[in-house]
C-alpha cells in the first residue's frame, strides 16, 4: 500500500502557476507604490512574465491583507511623540 505524501500546512502558493516570490513582489509593489494593475502588468512584461491585470487583482485581494498584517510590525513609527 502506497503512502500519501504529506504536505506542509503552510503553503499559501501551492497551486499557483507563478512562484510565490513573484506574487509577493507584485502585491507588495501594488500596496507600497501608487501603481495600477496595468502598470504592474507592464513591469512584469519587462521582466518576461505574461500576466493579465485580473490575475494581479486576484492576488492583491487574496494575499494583500495577510502581507500587510505581517509587514506592519517591521515598519518604523514616523511620529513617536
N, C-alpha and C. Protein backbone atom coordinates (compact mmCIF):
# COMPACT_ATOMS: atom_id res chain seq x y z
N UNK A 1 0.84 -1.18 0.00
CA UNK A 1 0.00 0.00 0.00
C UNK A 1 0.89 1.24 0.00
N UNK A 2 0.66 2.09 -0.93
CA UNK A 2 1.47 3.31 -1.04
C UNK A 2 0.97 4.36 -0.06
N UNK A 3 1.91 5.04 0.53
CA UNK A 3 1.55 6.11 1.45
C UNK A 3 1.37 7.40 0.68
N UNK A 4 0.48 8.21 1.17
CA UNK A 4 0.28 9.54 0.59
C UNK A 4 1.39 10.46 1.05
N UNK A 5 1.79 11.34 0.17
CA UNK A 5 2.77 12.35 0.57
C UNK A 5 2.08 13.37 1.45
N UNK A 6 2.75 13.73 2.50
CA UNK A 6 2.20 14.76 3.38
C UNK A 6 2.83 16.09 3.02
N UNK A 7 1.98 17.07 2.86
CA UNK A 7 2.44 18.40 2.51
C UNK A 7 2.37 19.29 3.74
N UNK A 8 3.22 20.30 3.74
CA UNK A 8 3.19 21.27 4.82
C UNK A 8 1.87 22.03 4.78
N UNK A 9 1.35 22.34 5.94
CA UNK A 9 0.09 23.08 6.02
C UNK A 9 0.25 24.52 5.58
N UNK A 10 1.44 25.06 5.76
CA UNK A 10 1.66 26.48 5.48
C UNK A 10 2.28 26.66 4.09
N UNK A 11 1.52 26.36 3.06
CA UNK A 11 1.96 26.55 1.68
C UNK A 11 0.93 27.40 0.95
N UNK A 12 0.98 28.71 1.12
CA UNK A 12 -0.06 29.56 0.53
C UNK A 12 -0.02 29.63 -0.99
N UNK A 13 1.10 29.30 -1.62
CA UNK A 13 1.21 29.41 -3.08
C UNK A 13 1.27 28.03 -3.74
N UNK A 14 0.74 27.04 -3.10
CA UNK A 14 0.91 25.66 -3.54
C UNK A 14 0.42 25.40 -4.96
N UNK A 15 -0.74 25.83 -5.32
CA UNK A 15 -1.31 25.51 -6.63
C UNK A 15 -1.24 26.68 -7.61
N UNK A 16 -0.39 27.64 -7.34
CA UNK A 16 -0.27 28.80 -8.22
C UNK A 16 0.69 28.51 -9.36
N UNK A 17 0.41 29.10 -10.51
CA UNK A 17 1.24 28.89 -11.70
C UNK A 17 2.59 29.59 -11.57
N UNK A 18 2.60 30.75 -10.94
CA UNK A 18 3.83 31.52 -10.76
C UNK A 18 4.37 31.30 -9.35
N UNK A 19 5.65 31.54 -9.19
CA UNK A 19 6.27 31.31 -7.88
C UNK A 19 5.76 32.33 -6.86
N UNK A 20 5.87 31.95 -5.61
CA UNK A 20 5.43 32.82 -4.54
C UNK A 20 6.19 34.12 -4.47
N UNK A 21 7.46 34.09 -4.87
CA UNK A 21 8.27 35.31 -4.85
C UNK A 21 7.72 36.36 -5.82
N UNK A 22 7.30 35.93 -6.99
CA UNK A 22 6.73 36.86 -7.98
C UNK A 22 5.43 37.44 -7.45
N UNK A 23 4.59 36.61 -6.89
CA UNK A 23 3.31 37.06 -6.35
C UNK A 23 3.55 38.08 -5.23
N UNK A 24 4.48 37.78 -4.34
CA UNK A 24 4.76 38.68 -3.22
C UNK A 24 5.28 40.02 -3.71
N UNK A 25 6.19 40.01 -4.69
CA UNK A 25 6.73 41.27 -5.20
C UNK A 25 5.64 42.13 -5.81
N UNK A 26 4.78 41.55 -6.64
CA UNK A 26 3.74 42.34 -7.30
C UNK A 26 2.72 42.89 -6.31
N UNK A 27 2.33 42.07 -5.34
CA UNK A 27 1.37 42.54 -4.34
C UNK A 27 2.01 43.62 -3.47
N UNK A 28 3.26 43.45 -3.14
CA UNK A 28 3.97 44.46 -2.34
C UNK A 28 4.09 45.78 -3.09
N UNK A 29 4.46 45.72 -4.38
CA UNK A 29 4.56 46.94 -5.18
C UNK A 29 3.21 47.64 -5.29
N UNK A 30 2.15 46.86 -5.42
CA UNK A 30 0.82 47.47 -5.52
C UNK A 30 0.47 48.19 -4.22
N UNK A 31 0.78 47.57 -3.09
CA UNK A 31 0.45 48.17 -1.81
C UNK A 31 1.35 49.33 -1.42
N UNK A 32 2.59 49.30 -1.83
CA UNK A 32 3.56 50.30 -1.40
C UNK A 32 3.57 51.54 -2.27
N UNK A 33 3.45 51.35 -3.57
CA UNK A 33 3.55 52.46 -4.52
C UNK A 33 2.20 52.68 -5.19
N UNK A 34 2.01 53.84 -5.76
CA UNK A 34 0.74 54.16 -6.43
C UNK A 34 0.76 53.62 -7.85
N UNK A 35 0.72 52.30 -7.97
CA UNK A 35 0.75 51.65 -9.27
C UNK A 35 -0.60 51.01 -9.56
N UNK A 36 -1.01 51.07 -10.80
CA UNK A 36 -2.25 50.40 -11.20
C UNK A 36 -1.92 48.97 -11.60
N UNK A 37 -2.96 48.17 -11.80
CA UNK A 37 -2.76 46.80 -12.26
C UNK A 37 -2.11 46.80 -13.65
N UNK A 38 -2.46 47.77 -14.46
CA UNK A 38 -1.86 47.87 -15.80
C UNK A 38 -0.37 48.19 -15.70
N UNK A 39 0.00 49.07 -14.77
CA UNK A 39 1.42 49.38 -14.56
C UNK A 39 2.19 48.12 -14.13
N UNK A 40 1.60 47.37 -13.22
CA UNK A 40 2.26 46.14 -12.76
C UNK A 40 2.36 45.11 -13.88
N UNK A 41 1.35 45.07 -14.73
CA UNK A 41 1.39 44.16 -15.88
C UNK A 41 2.55 44.52 -16.79
N UNK A 42 2.76 45.82 -17.02
CA UNK A 42 3.87 46.27 -17.87
C UNK A 42 5.22 45.98 -17.22
N UNK A 43 5.32 46.17 -15.91
CA UNK A 43 6.57 45.86 -15.20
C UNK A 43 6.88 44.37 -15.31
N UNK A 44 5.85 43.54 -15.14
CA UNK A 44 6.05 42.09 -15.26
C UNK A 44 6.44 41.72 -16.68
N UNK A 45 5.85 42.38 -17.68
CA UNK A 45 6.18 42.09 -19.08
C UNK A 45 7.63 42.45 -19.39
N UNK A 46 8.13 43.53 -18.79
CA UNK A 46 9.53 43.91 -18.97
C UNK A 46 10.47 42.84 -18.42
N UNK A 47 9.98 42.08 -17.45
CA UNK A 47 10.79 41.03 -16.85
C UNK A 47 10.48 39.66 -17.44
N UNK A 48 9.70 39.63 -18.52
CA UNK A 48 9.44 38.39 -19.24
C UNK A 48 8.26 37.58 -18.74
N UNK A 49 7.35 38.19 -17.99
CA UNK A 49 6.18 37.48 -17.48
C UNK A 49 4.93 37.91 -18.23
N UNK A 50 4.16 36.96 -18.69
CA UNK A 50 2.90 37.24 -19.36
C UNK A 50 1.78 37.13 -18.32
N UNK A 51 1.30 38.26 -17.84
CA UNK A 51 0.24 38.27 -16.82
C UNK A 51 -0.93 39.11 -17.29
N UNK A 52 -2.10 38.81 -16.78
CA UNK A 52 -3.28 39.64 -17.01
C UNK A 52 -3.51 40.51 -15.77
N UNK A 53 -4.16 41.64 -15.99
CA UNK A 53 -4.45 42.54 -14.87
C UNK A 53 -5.35 41.85 -13.85
N UNK A 54 -6.28 41.03 -14.32
CA UNK A 54 -7.20 40.37 -13.40
C UNK A 54 -6.47 39.38 -12.49
N UNK A 55 -5.40 38.77 -12.99
CA UNK A 55 -4.61 37.86 -12.16
C UNK A 55 -3.96 38.62 -11.01
N UNK A 56 -3.38 39.76 -11.32
CA UNK A 56 -2.75 40.58 -10.28
C UNK A 56 -3.80 41.06 -9.29
N UNK A 57 -4.96 41.43 -9.79
CA UNK A 57 -6.06 41.88 -8.93
C UNK A 57 -6.46 40.77 -7.96
N UNK A 58 -6.59 39.55 -8.45
CA UNK A 58 -6.95 38.42 -7.58
C UNK A 58 -5.88 38.19 -6.53
N UNK A 59 -4.61 38.30 -6.91
CA UNK A 59 -3.53 38.12 -5.94
C UNK A 59 -3.58 39.20 -4.87
N UNK A 60 -3.85 40.43 -5.26
CA UNK A 60 -3.93 41.52 -4.29
C UNK A 60 -5.07 41.27 -3.31
N UNK A 61 -6.21 40.84 -3.81
CA UNK A 61 -7.34 40.57 -2.93
C UNK A 61 -7.09 39.36 -2.04
N UNK A 62 -6.39 38.36 -2.56
CA UNK A 62 -6.17 37.14 -1.81
C UNK A 62 -5.05 37.28 -0.77
N UNK A 63 -3.97 37.95 -1.12
CA UNK A 63 -2.79 37.99 -0.26
C UNK A 63 -2.49 39.37 0.34
N UNK A 64 -3.12 40.41 -0.13
CA UNK A 64 -2.79 41.76 0.30
C UNK A 64 -2.95 41.99 1.79
N UNK A 65 -4.06 41.57 2.35
CA UNK A 65 -4.30 41.79 3.78
C UNK A 65 -3.30 41.02 4.64
N UNK A 66 -3.00 39.80 4.26
CA UNK A 66 -2.05 38.99 5.03
C UNK A 66 -0.64 39.57 4.97
N UNK A 67 -0.23 40.04 3.81
CA UNK A 67 1.09 40.65 3.67
C UNK A 67 1.17 41.92 4.50
N UNK A 68 0.14 42.74 4.45
CA UNK A 68 0.13 43.97 5.24
C UNK A 68 0.19 43.66 6.73
N UNK A 69 -0.52 42.64 7.16
CA UNK A 69 -0.53 42.26 8.58
C UNK A 69 0.85 41.79 9.03
N UNK A 70 1.54 41.05 8.19
CA UNK A 70 2.85 40.53 8.56
C UNK A 70 3.95 41.58 8.48
N UNK A 71 3.80 42.58 7.61
CA UNK A 71 4.83 43.61 7.47
C UNK A 71 4.66 44.77 8.45
N UNK A 72 3.45 44.99 8.94
CA UNK A 72 3.17 46.13 9.80
C UNK A 72 4.10 46.23 11.01
N UNK A 73 4.43 45.15 11.71
CA UNK A 73 5.32 45.28 12.87
C UNK A 73 6.74 45.73 12.52
N UNK A 74 7.15 45.59 11.27
CA UNK A 74 8.51 45.94 10.87
C UNK A 74 8.65 47.39 10.43
N UNK A 75 7.54 48.09 10.28
CA UNK A 75 7.60 49.50 9.89
C UNK A 75 7.96 50.36 11.09
N UNK A 76 8.72 51.40 10.85
CA UNK A 76 9.07 52.33 11.91
C UNK A 76 7.96 53.35 12.07
N UNK A 77 7.79 53.82 13.29
CA UNK A 77 6.83 54.89 13.51
C UNK A 77 7.45 56.20 13.04
N UNK A 78 6.67 56.99 12.35
CA UNK A 78 7.20 58.26 11.84
C UNK A 78 7.07 59.38 12.86
N UNK A 79 6.14 59.26 13.77
CA UNK A 79 5.94 60.29 14.79
C UNK A 79 5.82 59.61 16.14
N UNK A 80 6.89 59.55 16.87
CA UNK A 80 6.91 58.84 18.14
C UNK A 80 6.79 59.81 19.32
N UNK A 81 6.05 60.88 19.16
CA UNK A 81 5.93 61.84 20.26
C UNK A 81 4.75 61.53 21.15
